[in-house]
Amino acid sequence: MRIRRTLGLGSLLVALVPALAAGQETRTVGITMGYPAALGVLWHASDKVAIRPELTFGGTSTKTTSSSFDSEGDGWTIGTGVSAIFYLGPAADKLRTYVAPRFTYAHMSSTVKLSSVTNSSTTTTGNGVGGFGLFGAQYAVGDRFTVFGEVAFGLTHSSTTSSLLPTKGSGNSWGIHSGAGIVFYP
């Protein structure tokens, strides 16, 4: 049910972008698709600054069968991120470099049901928050199409809670990340 809401929100976002861009002389709003998988919007607030909010979502389903027990599980993840892009070169160039702070948030939930002697089930939920500094470049292939690539260094903090035992976990990870994507200006 939550995945349907997420897909509905993503569809609404894609549907509203052309309406936001209508009537504008310069293309200031574009739809982004990137790797790692994300769908978003790129809004050029000025020639030197742009804002890029993004949405990610996914799901899993597993089934394990053995001689002593069977298990079935499903889960979902939804996340969001926002980057404040500061362009380093002039707006007239087809190739522009930029730096940006990036902040991310993700929430996940998974449930596993065991069918054995106990017929137990456990639900695990978790959250992740991250902050990154990135350097990137984008190239305008045409008036309506741009490609971009970026590399980032960042830190992510995550926490999980399980319903089977009253346990909580948390951890930090840091490292270099990279991404690539396209921007389509309707």
Protein backbone atom coordinates (compact mmCIF):
# COMPACT_ATOMS: atom_id res chain seq x y z
CA MET A 1 0.00 0.00 0.00
CA ARG A 2 2.84 2.39 0.78
CA ILE A 3 4.51 1.57 -2.49
CA ARG A 4 1.33 2.61 -4.32
CA ARG A 5 1.40 5.95 -2.53
CA THR A 6 5.07 6.37 -3.43
CA LEU A 7 4.43 5.56 -7.09
CA GLY A 8 1.46 7.92 -7.06
CA LEU A 9 3.61 10.71 -5.62
CA GLY A 10 6.31 10.09 -8.21
CA SER A 11 3.73 10.11 -11.03
CA LEU A 12 2.26 13.36 -9.71
CA LEU A 13 5.74 14.90 -9.61
CA VAL A 14 6.38 13.93 -13.24
CA ALA A 15 2.95 15.24 -14.28
CA LEU A 16 3.42 18.62 -12.57
CA VAL A 17 6.85 19.43 -13.99
CA PRO A 18 5.57 20.30 -17.50
CA ALA A 19 2.92 22.56 -15.95
CA LEU A 20 5.60 24.34 -13.94
CA ALA A 21 7.76 24.81 -17.03
CA ALA A 22 4.93 26.03 -19.32
CA GLY A 23 5.16 29.62 -20.46
CA GLN A 24 8.79 30.09 -19.49
CA GLU A 25 11.15 31.57 -22.06
CA THR A 26 14.24 29.85 -20.68
CA ARG A 27 14.17 26.27 -19.50
CA THR A 28 14.43 26.54 -15.73
CA VAL A 29 12.77 23.27 -14.66
CA GLY A 30 13.74 19.79 -15.80
CA ILE A 31 13.00 16.17 -14.92
CA THR A 32 16.01 14.19 -13.68
CA MET A 33 16.65 10.47 -13.77
CA GLY A 34 19.87 9.15 -12.36
CA TYR A 35 21.99 6.31 -11.12
CA PRO A 36 21.87 5.33 -8.30
CA ALA A 37 18.21 5.08 -9.24
CA ALA A 38 16.38 8.32 -8.50
CA LEU A 39 13.65 10.45 -10.02
CA GLY A 40 13.59 14.18 -9.39
CA VAL A 41 13.41 17.75 -10.57
CA LEU A 42 16.16 20.24 -11.37
CA TRP A 43 15.14 23.84 -10.77
CA HIS A 44 17.53 26.60 -11.88
CA ALA A 45 16.95 29.36 -9.33
CA SER A 46 19.49 31.55 -11.17
CA ASP A 47 22.36 31.21 -13.67
CA LYS A 48 24.69 30.13 -10.84
CA VAL A 49 22.39 28.15 -8.47
CA ALA A 50 20.08 25.16 -8.93
CA ILE A 51 18.13 22.93 -6.53
CA ARG A 52 17.71 19.19 -7.23
CA PRO A 53 15.25 17.28 -5.00
CA GLU A 54 14.98 13.54 -5.72
CA LEU A 55 12.87 10.55 -4.74
CA THR A 56 13.96 6.90 -4.52
CA PHE A 57 11.92 3.80 -3.77
CA GLY A 58 12.21 0.04 -4.00
CA GLY A 59 10.91 -3.26 -2.72
CA THR A 60 12.03 -6.83 -2.06
CA SER A 61 10.41 -10.22 -1.78
CA THR A 62 12.08 -13.46 -0.62
CA LYS A 63 11.13 -17.08 -0.07
CA THR A 64 13.33 -19.78 1.50
CA THR A 65 12.47 -23.45 1.81
CA SER A 66 14.50 -26.00 3.78
CA SER A 67 13.92 -29.32 5.55
CA SER A 68 13.45 -27.67 8.96
CA PHE A 69 11.65 -24.41 8.18
CA ASP A 70 10.18 -22.16 5.49
CA SER A 71 10.38 -18.38 5.45
CA GLU A 72 8.80 -15.62 3.42
CA GLY A 73 9.70 -11.97 3.56
CA ASP A 74 8.95 -8.66 1.95
CA GLY A 75 10.18 -5.16 2.42
CA TRP A 76 10.24 -1.67 1.00
CA THR A 77 12.44 1.41 1.08
CA ILE A 78 11.62 5.03 0.32
CA GLY A 79 14.10 7.85 0.33
CA THR A 80 14.62 11.45 -0.63
CA GLY A 81 17.59 13.67 -1.25
CA VAL A 82 18.24 17.29 -2.10
CA SER A 83 21.29 18.96 -3.60
CA ALA A 84 22.00 22.71 -3.75
CA ILE A 85 24.09 23.08 -6.92
CA PHE A 86 26.53 25.98 -7.30
CA TYR A 87 27.87 26.33 -10.87
CA LEU A 88 31.52 27.24 -11.26
CA GLY A 89 31.46 28.42 -14.89
CA PRO A 90 29.43 30.78 -17.05
CA ALA A 91 25.89 29.87 -18.08
CA ALA A 92 26.67 30.03 -21.82
CA ASP A 93 28.97 26.97 -21.74
CA LYS A 94 27.62 23.57 -22.81
CA LEU A 95 29.91 21.93 -20.24
CA ARG A 96 29.48 23.30 -16.71
CA THR A 97 31.13 22.13 -13.52
CA TYR A 98 29.55 22.48 -10.10
CA VAL A 99 29.91 21.79 -6.40
CA ALA A 100 27.01 20.94 -4.11
CA PRO A 101 26.12 19.95 -0.57
CA ARG A 102 23.73 16.98 -0.60
CA PHE A 103 21.45 15.71 2.17
CA THR A 104 19.57 12.38 2.09
CA TYR A 105 16.99 10.54 4.19
CA ALA A 106 15.66 6.99 3.75
CA HIS A 107 13.17 4.81 5.63
CA MET A 108 12.87 1.03 5.28
CA SER A 109 10.69 -1.74 6.64
CA SER A 110 10.88 -5.52 6.19
CA THR A 111 8.86 -8.43 7.56
CA VAL A 112 9.96 -12.07 7.69
CA LYS A 113 7.56 -14.92 8.57
CA LEU A 114 8.98 -18.28 9.68
CA SER A 115 6.82 -21.39 9.39
CA SER A 116 8.32 -23.99 11.67
CA VAL A 117 7.52 -25.02 15.21
CA THR A 118 7.04 -21.40 16.36
CA ASN A 119 5.37 -19.81 13.32
CA SER A 120 6.97 -16.50 14.30
CA SER A 121 7.34 -13.29 12.40
CA THR A 122 9.62 -10.29 12.80
CA THR A 123 9.49 -6.77 11.46
CA THR A 124 12.56 -4.59 11.14
CA THR A 125 12.38 -0.86 10.50
CA GLY A 126 15.19 1.57 9.93
CA ASN A 127 16.18 5.10 9.00
CA GLY A 128 19.25 6.54 7.34
CA VAL A 129 20.45 10.15 7.19
CA GLY A 130 23.39 11.28 5.09
CA GLY A 131 25.38 14.36 4.22
CA PHE A 132 27.68 14.67 1.21
CA GLY A 133 29.90 17.15 -0.57
CA LEU A 134 30.02 16.59 -4.31
CA PHE A 135 31.76 17.77 -7.45
CA GLY A 136 30.08 17.28 -10.80
CA ALA A 137 29.86 18.27 -14.43
CA GLN A 138 26.93 18.52 -16.80
CA TYR A 139 26.91 18.73 -20.57
CA ALA A 140 24.04 20.20 -22.60
CA VAL A 141 23.51 17.79 -25.50
CA GLY A 142 20.72 20.03 -26.82
CA ASP A 143 18.14 22.58 -25.66
CA ARG A 144 16.05 19.94 -23.90
CA PHE A 145 18.58 17.30 -22.86
CA THR A 146 21.55 17.37 -20.46
CA VAL A 147 23.75 14.60 -19.07
CA PHE A 148 25.61 14.83 -15.76
CA GLY A 149 28.13 12.91 -13.69
CA GLU A 150 29.38 13.51 -10.17
CA VAL A 151 31.58 12.18 -7.41
CA ALA A 152 30.88 12.75 -3.71
CA PHE A 153 32.41 12.16 -0.31
CA GLY A 154 29.98 11.69 2.54
CA LEU A 155 28.83 10.23 5.82
CA THR A 156 25.63 8.24 6.47
CA HIS A 157 24.14 7.36 9.87
CA SER A 158 21.60 4.53 10.07
CA SER A 159 19.49 3.01 12.83
CA THR A 160 17.27 -0.09 12.95
CA THR A 161 14.71 -1.58 15.34
CA SER A 162 13.49 -5.19 15.36
CA SER A 163 10.15 -6.45 16.72
CA LEU A 164 11.36 -9.99 17.49
CA LEU A 165 13.69 -8.93 20.26
CA PRO A 166 13.77 -5.50 21.81
CA THR A 167 16.97 -4.68 19.94
CA LYS A 168 18.14 -1.49 18.33
CA GLY A 169 21.13 -1.04 16.12
CA SER A 170 22.95 1.93 14.66
CA GLY A 171 25.99 2.56 12.56
CA ASN A 172 27.91 5.03 10.47
CA SER A 173 29.43 4.62 7.04
CA TRP A 174 31.59 6.98 5.04
CA GLY A 175 33.21 6.90 1.66
CA ILE A 176 33.27 8.04 -1.92
CA HIS A 177 30.13 7.75 -4.03
CA SER A 178 29.48 8.46 -7.69
CA GLY A 179 26.42 9.09 -9.78
CA ALA A 180 25.30 9.88 -13.30
CA GLY A 181 22.05 10.94 -14.87
CA ILE A 182 20.08 12.87 -17.41
CA VAL A 183 17.92 15.99 -17.30
CA PHE A 184 15.01 16.44 -19.69
CA TYR A 185 13.54 19.93 -20.06
CA PRO A 186 9.91 19.67 -21.23
